Protein backbone atom coordinates (compact mmCIF):
# COMPACT_ATOMS: atom_id res chain seq x y z
CA MET A 1 19.77 32.70 -18.35
CA ALA A 2 19.56 29.11 -16.67
CA GLU A 3 18.51 28.27 -13.60
CA VAL A 4 19.65 25.54 -11.57
CA ILE A 5 16.56 23.09 -10.21
CA ARG A 6 17.82 21.76 -6.00
CA MET A 7 16.31 18.76 -4.65
CA PRO A 8 13.48 20.41 -2.55
CA LYS A 9 12.44 20.14 1.41
CA MET A 10 9.57 18.14 0.38
CA SER A 11 9.21 17.30 4.28
CA ASP A 12 10.10 18.28 8.22
CA THR A 13 12.33 15.66 8.54
CA MET A 14 14.28 15.22 5.13
CA THR A 15 17.48 15.58 4.69
CA GLU A 16 18.17 13.81 1.31
CA GLY A 17 16.12 12.16 -1.72
CA VAL A 18 16.77 9.24 -3.87
CA ILE A 19 15.94 10.22 -7.83
CA VAL A 20 13.09 7.12 -8.57
CA ALA A 21 12.78 7.91 -11.80
CA TRP A 22 13.26 10.97 -14.47
CA ASN A 23 10.22 11.84 -16.20
CA LYS A 24 12.01 14.86 -18.53
CA LYS A 25 15.59 13.97 -20.38
CA VAL A 26 18.28 16.30 -21.66
CA GLY A 27 17.40 18.65 -24.72
CA ASP A 28 13.21 18.37 -23.85
CA ALA A 29 11.18 21.29 -23.70
CA VAL A 30 9.96 21.45 -20.22
CA LYS A 31 7.53 24.81 -18.76
CA SER A 32 6.18 25.50 -15.35
CA GLY A 33 4.00 22.26 -13.78
CA ASP A 34 5.82 19.76 -15.83
CA ILE A 35 6.71 16.82 -13.34
CA LEU A 36 10.74 16.57 -13.86
CA ALA A 37 11.09 13.32 -11.74
CA GLU A 38 9.89 11.52 -8.74
CA VAL A 39 11.81 11.50 -5.43
CA GLU A 40 12.09 9.29 -2.58
CA THR A 41 11.92 11.11 1.02
CA ASP A 42 11.76 9.78 3.96
CA LYS A 43 7.94 9.79 3.94
CA ALA A 44 6.90 8.75 0.63
CA THR A 45 7.98 8.81 -3.26
CA MET A 46 6.73 12.75 -4.51
CA GLU A 47 6.77 14.26 -7.71
CA LEU A 48 8.94 16.99 -8.39
CA GLU A 49 7.14 19.66 -10.38
CA ASN A 50 9.21 21.79 -12.38
CA TYR A 51 8.63 25.95 -12.28
CA VAL A 52 11.04 27.01 -15.23
CA LYS A 53 10.42 27.45 -18.97
CA GLY A 54 12.52 26.67 -20.87
CA THR A 55 14.89 23.72 -22.07
CA LEU A 56 16.72 20.74 -19.89
CA LEU A 57 20.17 21.19 -20.46
CA HIS A 58 21.92 19.14 -17.57
CA ILE A 59 20.78 16.17 -15.63
CA GLY A 60 23.33 16.14 -12.58
CA ILE A 61 22.02 13.52 -10.49
CA GLU A 62 21.20 9.55 -11.87
CA LYS A 63 18.27 7.16 -11.07
CA GLY A 64 19.11 5.43 -8.19
CA GLN A 65 21.65 8.47 -6.39
CA SER A 66 20.70 10.37 -3.95
CA VAL A 67 21.73 14.05 -2.90
CA PRO A 68 21.44 16.51 0.21
CA VAL A 69 18.09 18.62 0.41
CA ASP A 70 19.38 21.87 -1.66
CA ALA A 71 22.11 20.40 -3.78
CA ILE A 72 21.80 21.03 -7.76
CA ILE A 73 19.89 18.21 -9.58
CA ALA A 74 19.56 19.86 -13.31
CA ILE A 75 19.70 22.62 -14.53
CA VAL A 76 17.26 24.39 -17.11
CA GLY A 77 18.08 27.16 -19.53
CA GLN A 78 17.80 28.26 -23.13
CA PRO A 79 19.19 25.56 -26.01
CA GLY A 80 22.95 25.66 -26.64
CA GLU A 81 23.39 28.25 -23.53
CA ASP A 82 26.67 27.66 -21.78
CA ILE A 83 26.14 26.24 -18.66
CA SER A 84 30.09 25.68 -17.48
CA ALA A 85 29.97 28.12 -14.65
CA LEU A 86 27.08 26.76 -13.40
CA LEU A 87 28.77 23.04 -13.55
CA SER A 88 31.50 24.13 -12.31
CA ALA A 89 30.22 25.37 -8.85
CA ALA A 90 28.42 22.18 -8.28
CA PRO A 91 29.37 19.48 -6.42
CA ALA A 92 30.26 16.37 -8.55
CA ALA A 93 27.13 13.59 -8.08
CA PRO A 94 28.02 11.22 -5.86
CA ALA A 95 28.17 7.26 -6.84
CA ALA A 96 25.60 5.56 -8.11
CA ALA A 97 23.50 3.87 -5.48
CA ALA A 98 24.27 0.20 -4.98
CA LYS A 99 22.35 -2.57 -6.29
CA PRO A 100 21.10 -5.69 -4.02
CA VAL A 101 23.82 -8.15 -4.42
CA GLU A 102 22.89 -11.85 -3.81
CA GLU A 103 26.04 -13.47 -2.70
CA SER A 104 26.57 -16.93 -2.46
CA ALA A 105 28.96 -19.08 -0.27
CA PRO A 106 30.43 -21.58 -1.99
CA ALA A 107 27.69 -24.60 -2.09
CA ALA A 108 28.79 -27.39 0.50
CA PRO A 109 30.87 -30.01 -0.86
CA VAL A 110 28.66 -33.02 -1.29
CA ALA A 111 29.10 -35.67 1.01
CA THR A 112 29.14 -39.49 -0.34
CA THR A 113 27.78 -42.13 1.60
CA THR A 114 29.31 -45.38 1.71
CA THR A 115 28.28 -49.03 2.90
CA ALA A 116 31.01 -51.35 4.00
CA ALA A 117 30.51 -54.35 1.81
CA THR A 118 29.21 -57.71 2.61
CA HIS A 119 32.82 -59.57 2.09
CA ASP A 120 35.20 -56.77 3.14
CA ASP A 121 38.82 -58.41 3.95
CA ARG A 122 39.09 -55.72 6.85
CA LEU A 123 36.10 -56.80 8.58
CA LYS A 124 36.38 -59.36 10.41
CA ALA A 125 33.52 -61.87 10.66
CA SER A 126 32.95 -65.18 10.95
CA PRO A 127 31.26 -67.10 7.60
CA LEU A 128 28.38 -68.08 9.75
CA ALA A 129 27.57 -64.43 11.23
CA ARG A 130 28.24 -63.12 7.73
CA LYS A 131 25.72 -65.76 6.41
CA ILE A 132 23.26 -64.79 8.83
CA ALA A 133 23.39 -60.60 8.99
CA GLU A 134 23.14 -61.35 5.39
CA GLU A 135 19.76 -63.47 5.80
CA LYS A 136 18.38 -60.82 8.67
CA GLY A 137 19.50 -57.72 6.56
CA ILE A 138 22.11 -56.56 9.19
CA ASP A 139 24.76 -54.33 8.57
CA ILE A 140 27.43 -56.18 10.00
CA SER A 141 30.12 -53.18 10.05
CA ALA A 142 27.60 -51.52 12.64
CA LEU A 143 28.26 -54.27 15.17
CA ASN A 144 31.14 -54.97 17.68
CA GLY A 145 32.62 -58.42 17.72
CA SER A 146 33.04 -60.05 20.95
CA GLY A 147 35.43 -62.70 19.76
CA GLU A 148 39.18 -63.20 19.29
CA ASN A 149 40.43 -60.06 18.06
CA GLY A 150 37.07 -58.20 17.59
CA ARG A 151 36.15 -61.30 15.41
CA ILE A 152 32.31 -60.79 14.92
CA VAL A 153 30.51 -64.28 15.97
CA LYS A 154 27.03 -66.06 15.88
CA ARG A 155 26.42 -64.70 19.48
CA ASP A 156 27.24 -60.94 18.31
CA LEU A 157 24.01 -60.82 16.01
CA GLU A 158 21.35 -62.85 18.55
CA ASN A 159 19.71 -60.14 19.34
CA VAL A 160 20.57 -57.68 16.88
CA THR A 161 17.56 -56.74 14.28
CA ALA A 162 18.32 -54.64 10.98
CA SER A 163 16.20 -51.76 12.44
CA THR A 164 19.08 -51.28 15.50
CA THR A 165 22.00 -51.22 12.65
CA THR A 166 20.78 -49.51 9.63
CA LYS A 167 23.04 -46.69 8.90
CA VAL A 168 21.42 -42.82 8.48
CA ALA A 169 22.98 -41.51 5.02
CA ALA A 170 24.89 -37.90 6.23
CA PHE A 171 23.02 -34.94 5.57
CA ALA A 172 23.96 -32.94 2.07
CA PRO A 173 22.19 -29.77 2.07
CA SER A 174 21.39 -29.10 -1.63
CA LEU A 175 21.59 -25.33 -1.76
CA GLY A 176 24.94 -23.81 -0.03
CA GLU A 177 24.62 -20.59 2.41
CA SER A 178 23.11 -17.51 0.74
CA PHE A 179 21.87 -13.75 1.65
CA GLU A 180 20.80 -10.71 -0.50
CA ASP A 181 21.71 -7.13 0.61
CA LEU A 182 18.99 -4.55 0.65
CA PRO A 183 20.22 -0.97 0.56
CA LEU A 184 18.13 1.31 2.80
CA SER A 185 15.47 3.29 2.07
CA GLN A 186 14.94 7.28 2.65
CA MET A 187 11.99 6.17 4.80
CA ARG A 188 13.72 3.26 6.23
CA LYS A 189 16.14 5.42 7.77
CA THR A 190 13.88 7.90 9.20
CA ILE A 191 12.31 5.12 10.52
CA ALA A 192 15.27 3.64 11.83
CA ARG A 193 16.37 6.92 13.68
CA ARG A 194 12.95 8.46 14.67
CA LEU A 195 12.25 5.25 16.86
CA ALA A 196 15.53 4.45 18.11
CA GLU A 197 15.59 7.89 19.50
CA SER A 198 11.99 7.84 21.01
CA LYS A 199 12.91 4.09 22.32
CA PHE A 200 16.06 5.26 23.78
CA SER A 201 15.05 9.09 24.91
CA ALA A 202 11.63 8.62 26.22
CA PRO A 203 11.32 6.66 29.35
CA HIS A 204 8.08 4.19 28.23
CA PHE A 205 5.93 2.55 30.24
CA TYR A 206 2.56 0.67 29.29
CA LEU A 207 -1.05 -0.17 30.35
CA THR A 208 -2.86 -2.63 28.97
CA MET A 209 -6.48 -2.93 29.18
CA GLU A 210 -9.27 -5.61 28.13
CA ILE A 211 -12.40 -4.59 26.45
CA ASP A 212 -15.20 -6.18 25.93
CA MET A 213 -16.41 -5.41 22.07
CA ASP A 214 -19.83 -6.93 21.97
CA ARG A 215 -22.06 -4.00 21.64
CA ALA A 216 -19.01 -2.52 19.67
CA VAL A 217 -19.11 -5.31 16.80
CA GLU A 218 -23.85 -5.11 17.39
CA ALA A 219 -23.31 -1.38 16.97
CA ARG A 220 -20.47 -1.70 13.68
CA ALA A 221 -22.77 -4.51 11.61
CA ARG A 222 -26.17 -2.43 12.11
CA ILE A 223 -24.11 0.51 11.01
CA ASN A 224 -22.72 -1.09 7.32
CA THR A 225 -26.22 -2.91 6.90
CA SER A 226 -28.05 0.30 7.07
CA SER A 227 -26.25 3.10 5.65
CA GLY A 228 -23.95 3.15 2.51
CA VAL A 229 -20.43 3.93 4.58
CA LYS A 230 -18.58 0.45 5.03
CA ILE A 231 -17.32 1.32 9.19
CA SER A 232 -14.54 -0.73 9.83
CA MET A 233 -13.41 -1.73 13.61
CA ASN A 234 -10.47 0.47 13.19
CA ASP A 235 -12.45 3.64 12.76
CA MET A 236 -14.68 3.12 15.92
CA VAL A 237 -11.42 3.02 17.32
CA ILE A 238 -10.43 6.40 15.69
CA LYS A 239 -13.62 7.97 16.94
CA ALA A 240 -13.16 6.31 20.62
CA VAL A 241 -9.76 7.83 21.15
CA ALA A 242 -10.55 11.26 19.60
CA ALA A 243 -13.57 11.23 22.67
CA ALA A 244 -11.26 9.86 25.20
CA LEU A 245 -8.77 12.56 24.02
CA ARG A 246 -11.10 15.42 24.82
CA LYS A 247 -11.76 14.19 28.46
CA ASN A 248 -7.77 13.76 28.94
CA PRO A 249 -6.58 16.19 27.45
CA LYS A 250 -2.60 15.28 29.30
CA VAL A 251 -2.69 12.76 27.20
CA ASN A 252 -3.08 14.57 24.09
CA SER A 253 0.36 16.57 24.62
CA SER A 254 3.95 16.86 23.81
CA TRP A 255 7.52 16.89 25.21
CA LEU A 256 9.15 19.87 24.13
CA GLY A 257 12.51 19.29 26.54
CA ASP A 258 11.85 22.87 28.68
CA LYS A 259 8.44 22.38 28.69
CA ILE A 260 5.24 20.01 28.20
CA ARG A 261 2.82 21.42 24.92
CA ILE A 262 -1.13 20.24 26.05
CA ASN A 263 -2.63 19.94 22.37
CA HIS A 264 -6.11 21.34 22.36
CA HIS A 265 -6.87 20.04 18.68
CA ILE A 266 -6.86 16.29 17.98
CA HIS A 267 -4.89 14.92 15.04
CA ILE A 268 -5.15 11.37 14.95
CA GLY A 269 -1.91 9.28 13.80
CA VAL A 270 -2.67 6.19 11.96
CA ALA A 271 0.23 3.91 11.41
CA MET A 272 -0.02 1.92 7.81
CA ALA A 273 2.00 -0.29 6.34
CA VAL A 274 4.17 0.20 3.27
CA ASP A 275 6.89 -1.89 1.19
CA GLU A 276 9.39 0.19 2.46
CA GLY A 277 8.55 0.53 5.97
CA LEU A 278 6.14 2.73 8.06
CA ILE A 279 3.98 5.76 7.21
CA VAL A 280 1.85 7.61 9.52
CA PRO A 281 -1.49 9.62 7.80
CA VAL A 282 -2.70 11.78 9.64
CA VAL A 283 -7.23 12.03 10.54
CA LYS A 284 -7.11 16.09 11.46
CA PHE A 285 -9.50 17.44 14.16
CA ALA A 286 -10.89 13.69 14.54
CA ASP A 287 -12.71 14.72 17.72
CA GLN A 288 -15.24 17.22 15.44
CA LYS A 289 -15.64 14.65 13.02
CA SER A 290 -18.13 11.56 12.67
CA MET A 291 -17.15 8.47 11.63
CA SER A 292 -18.51 8.17 8.18
CA GLN A 293 -15.92 11.09 7.74
CA ILE A 294 -13.26 9.23 9.40
CA SER A 295 -13.76 5.80 7.19
CA ALA A 296 -13.74 7.69 4.15
CA GLU A 297 -10.33 9.59 4.99
CA VAL A 298 -8.87 6.66 5.85
CA LYS A 299 -9.93 4.49 2.81
CA VAL A 300 -8.25 7.91 0.56
CA TYR A 301 -5.03 7.51 2.79
CA ALA A 302 -4.71 3.95 2.45
CA GLU A 303 -4.80 4.22 -1.57
CA LYS A 304 -2.31 7.44 -1.73
CA ALA A 305 0.06 5.41 1.13
CA LYS A 306 -0.21 2.57 -1.20
CA ALA A 307 0.81 4.92 -4.67
CA LYS A 308 3.36 6.90 -2.76
CA LYS A 309 1.06 9.92 -3.52
CA LEU A 310 0.61 11.05 0.34
CA THR A 311 1.58 15.04 0.64
CA PRO A 312 3.81 16.27 3.45
CA GLU A 313 0.56 17.84 4.97
CA GLU A 314 -1.44 14.02 5.26
CA PHE A 315 1.71 13.06 7.26
CA THR A 316 2.52 15.57 9.57
CA GLY A 317 1.33 16.96 12.75
CA ASN A 318 0.10 14.02 14.77
CA THR A 319 -0.71 14.83 18.23
CA PHE A 320 -1.84 10.75 19.10
CA THR A 321 -0.77 7.92 17.20
CA ILE A 322 -2.28 4.47 16.71
CA SER A 323 -1.17 1.41 15.21
CA ASN A 324 -3.85 -1.06 14.93
CA LEU A 325 -2.38 -4.94 13.70
CA GLY A 326 -5.63 -6.54 14.51
CA MET A 327 -6.35 -7.04 11.27
CA PHE A 328 -3.11 -9.52 11.02
CA GLY A 329 -4.52 -11.75 14.57
CA ILE A 330 -2.13 -10.03 16.51
CA GLU A 331 -3.93 -9.93 20.31
CA GLU A 332 -1.28 -8.10 21.86
CA PHE A 333 2.16 -6.00 21.52
CA THR A 334 3.34 -2.60 22.55
CA ALA A 335 4.19 0.12 19.89
CA ILE A 336 7.28 2.37 20.27
CA ILE A 337 5.78 6.34 20.32
CA ASN A 338 5.58 8.48 17.05
CA PRO A 339 7.52 11.33 18.09
CA PRO A 340 6.38 14.56 19.09
CA ASP A 341 3.75 12.57 20.85
CA SER A 342 3.26 11.56 24.22
CA CYS A 343 1.58 8.25 23.68
CA ILE A 344 0.72 5.79 21.23
CA LEU A 345 -2.39 3.30 21.76
CA ALA A 346 -1.52 -0.51 20.20
CA VAL A 347 -4.83 -2.10 19.44
CA GLY A 348 -5.01 -5.79 18.77
CA THR A 349 -7.26 -8.03 17.36
CA VAL A 350 -11.54 -8.61 18.41
CA LYS A 351 -11.43 -12.27 19.99
CA GLU A 352 -14.13 -14.40 20.48
CA VAL A 353 -13.02 -15.96 24.18
CA PRO A 354 -15.21 -17.30 27.20
CA VAL A 355 -16.25 -14.43 29.55
CA VAL A 356 -18.15 -14.77 32.88
CA LYS A 357 -21.45 -12.56 32.78
CA ASN A 358 -23.80 -12.17 35.29
CA GLY A 359 -22.34 -15.58 37.12
CA GLN A 360 -22.82 -17.37 33.66
CA VAL A 361 -19.85 -17.89 31.37
CA THR A 362 -20.52 -16.66 27.30
CA ILE A 363 -18.70 -16.53 24.66
CA GLY A 364 -18.01 -12.63 24.43
CA ASN A 365 -15.95 -10.26 21.92
CA ILE A 366 -12.32 -8.86 23.99
CA MET A 367 -10.01 -6.46 21.98
CA LYS A 368 -6.68 -5.68 24.31
CA VAL A 369 -5.36 -2.16 24.17
CA THR A 370 -1.57 -0.91 24.80
CA LEU A 371 -0.88 2.35 25.72
CA SER A 372 2.37 3.47 25.78
CA CYS A 373 3.74 6.69 27.54
CA ASP A 374 6.74 8.53 27.61
CA HIS A 375 6.68 9.40 31.48
CA ARG A 376 8.03 12.27 31.21
CA SER A 377 5.06 13.98 30.01
CA VAL A 378 2.44 11.62 30.99
CA ASP A 379 2.13 9.46 34.20
CA GLY A 380 0.44 6.17 35.09
CA ALA A 381 -2.87 7.76 36.33
CA VAL A 382 -3.06 10.18 33.41
CA GLY A 383 -2.68 7.28 30.93
CA SER A 384 -5.26 4.42 33.29
CA SER A 385 -7.71 7.30 33.30
CA PHE A 386 -7.15 7.98 28.96
CA LEU A 387 -8.04 4.22 29.08
CA GLN A 388 -10.83 4.16 31.41
CA SER A 389 -13.02 6.39 29.00
CA LEU A 390 -11.90 4.59 25.73
CA LYS A 391 -12.90 1.63 27.64
CA GLY A 392 -16.40 3.19 28.35
CA PHE A 393 -16.87 4.48 24.76
CA LEU A 394 -16.34 1.54 22.83
CA GLU A 395 -18.26 -0.31 25.27
CA ASP A 396 -21.38 1.71 24.86
CA PRO A 397 -20.52 3.01 21.32
CA ILE A 398 -23.57 5.17 21.15
CA THR A 399 -21.98 8.09 23.24
CA ILE A 400 -19.38 8.36 20.52
CA LEU A 401 -21.87 8.34 17.29
CA VAL A 402 -24.39 11.31 19.26
């Protein structure tokens, strides 16, 4: 008996999916475990696994089209089996997704520059004035004459040079106006919706602090030269944040409308940029992991995010989020809270600047961080205490290595 394949719910926030590619075609034999298609969700592009043995009898959604969760996208059964009843019950397939179309405005007409002829009959000038203008390279048409009826005479050219009368050619763009409309990916739609909800429903406030990173820079250099694992500054920040959350549990919380949930586990989301937007894989139980374990996990997540291979379990469950733009040279910024977290930490670059130490001006490594807080669940004093703890751990990193 033929069975329908429906669009599965591949993430907790997924409402529809887009078929990126079909790996099987109508008439192909399929078995359990075969990858039927690649589906773009609101979080990543994922593989659609088949669980029915038989022949692919029908594909109801073409590449590039989107359908809601639970919609029929394919039918598997025995060769020659009548599936008309299933097809009549299925909703019509949506129109094909629009492709990016580049539209160009008509090219601007080319302006033609004309220069008044030296002997233009309409230009009133004495023969002597014309001769002087020609010798000096003066554009006589740019002058106002002081003679009878505006006639240009010798005295009008006495204090005139060629540079003061040269006409600038009118600008003519080589290309007209143009634009390209890009269709929204499922990920971009979800980013827009969730961050808009967060920004306009959660009352954000921001706390910024400078951290002396001299010892952190030194510790990282020593770790990387003495061990087989290469630690990034972001790995060190993740470990320090986890330790600071353990000391300040109210920051590791979620606003649930009628209550505040204080999470006893520490799952840190690490924002990563991908072509479609932003995805946040989660380092779970970060406070219980060594820096080398965190480093290895984040590297794997980065590779999987780039290849669109992250699973829902790997990008859900965060209790706190870090957004680091330091690698792009950004010194300071504010980030929008990533629901359901109460806070997100924006991390800037480590920059060498003049600092005063022991009464002397010297060069120090300074990093700015900004904590965005949901004022419904975290107050200023609570957020400030967290930043003080974070500052202490990063300025004396041996405390997070033991």
